[in-house]
Amino acid sequence: MIADIPFVDDVINYISDHLIIFITIFSLVGILLYSMTAVFFNKLNKEKYGKTTWMAWIPVFRLFLLGKLTIHWIFGIILVLGLFCCVSISLTIDGVSKTYEILKENIREPFMIIYIGIVVVLYIFAHIKLSNIRRSGKGYSSKISINSQIVSEYDKKYNSNVKENGNNDFYNTTSDEKTIEEMKPKTLKDAINDNAKRINAENNEKKP
């Protein structure tokens, strides 16, 4: 037996003597890995939908999130159902033990291996997908960065125009009812809309 080998026996005794320390270390590592995975899911969700999600922190819901972010939300539901297929529950009532399971044991074990393999592949695919989104510049954070540049450009031109001319001609208006500050875009949406209108106006002027 392996336990009869002196070295293995020493290792087992050492672990037994320092069990609390080992449990603490493994618990901390587990919490760290779990948190890192949750942060990763939030990053991917933010790139796709512009916001973080609480589902990244809940064990069963994060499986749904994994399927949703990598393939489709329907696949996320399939992953959750697959998890329940891997579980068996044993109950003892009045001294009688009974096991409840969706799949029989001879089917459940190979199913679990396939299921774990699919989850691992999806995790890898999720990392690749996040990398591709950021590299292509199609993520939500990239759009915000581009739009922020538009706002910054508007602010510079606006401030320069006001300082040089003391008016708000930059916004092409002759309204006496609005002050310069009122004409300044207050939100990102205002700035983007103004920029789109300006481009359309320039294109229309170029037409014969």
Protein backbone atom coordinates (compact mmCIF):
# COMPACT_ATOMS: atom_id res chain seq x y z
CA MET A 1 0.00 0.00 0.00
CA ILE A 2 1.12 3.58 -0.67
CA ALA A 3 0.52 4.52 2.96
CA ASP A 4 3.11 1.90 4.04
CA ILE A 5 5.94 3.76 2.28
CA PRO A 6 7.90 5.67 4.99
CA PHE A 7 8.07 8.94 3.05
CA VAL A 8 4.34 8.96 2.27
CA ASP A 9 3.58 8.09 5.89
CA ASP A 10 5.70 11.04 7.06
CA VAL A 11 3.89 13.40 4.67
CA ILE A 12 0.50 12.21 5.91
CA ASN A 13 1.55 12.68 9.53
CA TYR A 14 2.94 16.15 8.77
CA ILE A 15 -0.30 17.21 7.08
CA SER A 16 -2.32 15.79 9.97
CA ASP A 17 -0.24 17.74 12.49
CA HIS A 18 -0.65 20.98 10.51
CA LEU A 19 -4.17 20.38 9.21
CA ILE A 20 -5.51 23.79 10.21
CA ILE A 21 -2.68 25.56 8.38
CA PHE A 22 -3.25 23.55 5.20
CA ILE A 23 -7.01 24.12 5.34
CA THR A 24 -6.41 27.86 5.78
CA ILE A 25 -3.97 28.02 2.86
CA PHE A 26 -6.21 26.05 0.49
CA SER A 27 -9.23 28.12 1.56
CA LEU A 28 -7.42 31.40 0.86
CA VAL A 29 -6.20 30.12 -2.53
CA GLY A 30 -9.73 28.97 -3.35
CA ILE A 31 -11.23 32.35 -2.39
CA LEU A 32 -8.55 34.15 -4.44
CA LEU A 33 -9.17 32.03 -7.55
CA TYR A 34 -12.94 32.39 -7.16
CA SER A 35 -12.64 36.18 -6.86
CA MET A 36 -10.30 36.41 -9.85
CA THR A 37 -12.80 34.42 -11.94
CA ALA A 38 -15.65 36.69 -10.81
CA VAL A 39 -13.63 39.79 -11.73
CA PHE A 40 -12.87 38.27 -15.13
CA PHE A 41 -16.56 37.58 -15.78
CA ASN A 42 -17.38 41.17 -14.84
CA LYS A 43 -14.74 42.47 -17.25
CA LEU A 44 -16.13 40.39 -20.11
CA ASN A 45 -19.71 41.33 -19.25
CA LYS A 46 -18.73 45.01 -19.13
CA GLU A 47 -17.06 44.81 -22.53
CA LYS A 48 -20.19 43.25 -24.05
CA TYR A 49 -22.96 45.05 -22.19
CA GLY A 50 -21.33 48.06 -20.55
CA LYS A 51 -21.92 47.02 -16.94
CA THR A 52 -20.88 44.50 -14.30
CA THR A 53 -23.20 41.81 -12.98
CA TRP A 54 -23.86 40.18 -9.61
CA MET A 55 -24.20 36.79 -11.31
CA ALA A 56 -20.42 36.59 -11.58
CA TRP A 57 -20.23 36.02 -7.81
CA ILE A 58 -22.93 33.32 -7.42
CA PRO A 59 -21.79 29.71 -8.16
CA VAL A 60 -24.77 28.44 -10.21
CA PHE A 61 -25.53 31.78 -11.87
CA ARG A 62 -21.94 32.19 -13.02
CA LEU A 63 -22.31 29.00 -15.07
CA PHE A 64 -25.28 30.59 -16.80
CA LEU A 65 -23.18 33.72 -17.31
CA LEU A 66 -20.34 31.66 -18.79
CA GLY A 67 -22.65 30.17 -21.42
CA LYS A 68 -24.30 33.53 -22.11
CA LEU A 69 -21.04 35.45 -22.60
CA THR A 70 -19.31 32.81 -24.73
CA ILE A 71 -22.15 31.43 -26.87
CA HIS A 72 -25.77 32.31 -26.02
CA TRP A 73 -28.01 32.63 -22.96
CA ILE A 74 -29.79 29.40 -23.95
CA PHE A 75 -26.46 27.58 -23.67
CA GLY A 76 -26.10 29.13 -20.22
CA ILE A 77 -29.37 27.45 -19.17
CA ILE A 78 -28.09 24.16 -20.62
CA LEU A 79 -24.95 24.44 -18.49
CA VAL A 80 -27.02 24.95 -15.34
CA LEU A 81 -29.25 21.97 -16.16
CA GLY A 82 -26.14 19.91 -16.86
CA LEU A 83 -24.84 20.73 -13.39
CA PHE A 84 -27.98 19.33 -11.76
CA CYS A 85 -27.61 16.18 -13.88
CA CYS A 86 -24.23 15.63 -12.22
CA VAL A 87 -25.68 15.74 -8.70
CA SER A 88 -27.15 12.93 -6.63
CA ILE A 89 -28.86 13.48 -3.28
CA SER A 90 -29.01 10.83 -0.55
CA LEU A 91 -31.61 11.12 2.22
CA THR A 92 -32.18 8.93 5.23
CA ILE A 93 -35.73 8.86 6.55
CA ASP A 94 -36.72 6.55 9.44
CA GLY A 95 -33.51 4.62 9.00
CA VAL A 96 -34.16 4.06 5.31
CA SER A 97 -31.61 5.59 2.93
CA LYS A 98 -32.75 6.69 -0.49
CA THR A 99 -30.79 8.28 -3.31
CA TYR A 100 -32.31 10.72 -5.76
CA GLU A 101 -30.53 11.25 -9.06
CA ILE A 102 -31.38 12.39 -12.57
CA LEU A 103 -28.81 10.18 -14.26
CA LYS A 104 -27.83 6.68 -13.21
CA GLU A 105 -24.34 6.26 -11.79
CA ASN A 106 -22.94 4.41 -14.81
CA ILE A 107 -24.08 7.30 -17.03
CA ARG A 108 -23.44 10.14 -14.58
CA GLU A 109 -19.69 9.58 -14.22
CA PRO A 110 -18.79 9.85 -17.94
CA PHE A 111 -21.30 12.69 -18.26
CA MET A 112 -19.47 14.58 -15.47
CA ILE A 113 -16.14 14.17 -17.25
CA ILE A 114 -17.60 15.52 -20.50
CA TYR A 115 -19.37 18.34 -18.64
CA ILE A 116 -16.20 19.45 -16.82
CA GLY A 117 -14.31 19.36 -20.12
CA ILE A 118 -16.91 21.61 -21.77
CA VAL A 119 -16.75 24.09 -18.87
CA VAL A 120 -12.94 24.23 -19.03
CA VAL A 121 -13.02 24.80 -22.80
CA LEU A 122 -15.58 27.59 -22.35
CA TYR A 123 -13.39 29.27 -19.73
CA ILE A 124 -10.47 29.24 -22.17
CA PHE A 125 -12.71 30.49 -24.97
CA ALA A 126 -13.99 33.30 -22.71
CA HIS A 127 -10.41 34.52 -22.13
CA ILE A 128 -9.71 34.42 -25.86
CA LYS A 129 -12.96 36.27 -26.56
CA LEU A 130 -12.13 39.06 -24.10
CA SER A 131 -8.68 39.43 -25.64
CA ASN A 132 -10.15 39.60 -29.16
CA ILE A 133 -12.77 42.17 -28.15
CA ARG A 134 -10.16 44.47 -26.65
CA ARG A 135 -7.75 44.03 -29.55
CA SER A 136 -10.43 44.73 -32.16
CA GLY A 137 -11.68 47.81 -30.32
CA LYS A 138 -15.30 46.61 -30.51
CA GLY A 139 -15.81 46.43 -26.76
CA TYR A 140 -17.92 48.83 -24.75
CA SER A 141 -14.89 50.41 -23.05
CA SER A 142 -13.35 51.16 -26.47
CA LYS A 143 -16.56 52.90 -27.57
CA ILE A 144 -16.57 54.96 -24.39
CA SER A 145 -12.94 55.89 -24.99
CA ILE A 146 -13.69 57.04 -28.55
CA ASN A 147 -16.75 58.98 -27.45
CA SER A 148 -14.80 60.55 -24.60
CA GLN A 149 -12.31 61.81 -27.16
CA ILE A 150 -15.20 63.46 -29.02
CA VAL A 151 -16.32 65.15 -25.81
CA SER A 152 -12.76 66.25 -25.06
CA GLU A 153 -12.43 67.69 -28.56
CA TYR A 154 -15.71 69.56 -28.13
CA ASP A 155 -14.59 70.97 -24.81
CA LYS A 156 -11.30 72.22 -26.26
CA LYS A 157 -12.96 73.82 -29.30
CA TYR A 158 -15.73 75.27 -27.16
CA ASN A 159 -13.37 76.82 -24.63
CA SER A 160 -11.09 78.11 -27.37
CA ASN A 161 -14.02 79.66 -29.25
CA VAL A 162 -15.41 81.35 -26.14
CA LYS A 163 -12.00 82.67 -25.15
CA GLU A 164 -11.22 84.10 -28.61
CA ASN A 165 -14.65 85.32 -29.70
CA GLY A 166 -16.68 85.51 -26.53
CA ASN A 167 -19.63 83.84 -28.28
CA ASN A 168 -21.01 80.42 -29.05
CA ASP A 169 -20.69 80.42 -32.85
CA PHE A 170 -19.04 77.01 -32.63
CA TYR A 171 -22.51 75.54 -32.10
CA ASN A 172 -23.97 77.38 -35.10
CA THR A 173 -26.79 79.11 -33.30
CA THR A 174 -28.15 82.64 -33.24
CA SER A 175 -30.56 82.11 -30.38
CA ASP A 176 -30.56 84.98 -27.89
CA GLU A 177 -32.47 82.96 -25.35
CA LYS A 178 -29.65 80.57 -24.55
CA THR A 179 -26.41 81.48 -22.88
CA ILE A 180 -23.06 80.09 -23.85
CA GLU A 181 -23.14 77.57 -21.01
CA GLU A 182 -26.60 76.41 -22.02
CA MET A 183 -25.35 75.69 -25.52
CA LYS A 184 -22.49 73.55 -24.25
CA PRO A 185 -23.24 69.78 -24.52
CA LYS A 186 -24.06 68.57 -21.02
CA THR A 187 -23.85 64.85 -21.71
CA LEU A 188 -21.93 62.40 -23.84
CA LYS A 189 -25.06 61.77 -25.89
CA ASP A 190 -25.42 65.50 -26.63
CA ALA A 191 -21.84 65.72 -27.85
CA ILE A 192 -22.16 62.66 -30.09
CA ASN A 193 -25.44 63.89 -31.57
CA ASP A 194 -23.95 67.34 -32.22
CA ASN A 195 -20.93 65.75 -33.87
CA ALA A 196 -23.17 63.61 -36.10
CA LYS A 197 -25.24 66.65 -37.11
CA ARG A 198 -22.10 68.62 -37.93
CA ILE A 199 -20.78 65.79 -40.14
CA ASN A 200 -24.14 65.48 -41.92
CA ALA A 201 -24.24 69.24 -42.50
CA GLU A 202 -20.73 69.21 -43.97
CA ASN A 203 -21.63 66.31 -46.27
CA ASN A 204 -24.76 68.10 -47.46
CA GLU A 205 -22.75 71.24 -48.24
CA LYS A 206 -20.36 69.19 -50.41
CA LYS A 207 -23.20 67.82 -52.52
CA PRO A 208 -23.68 69.67 -55.89
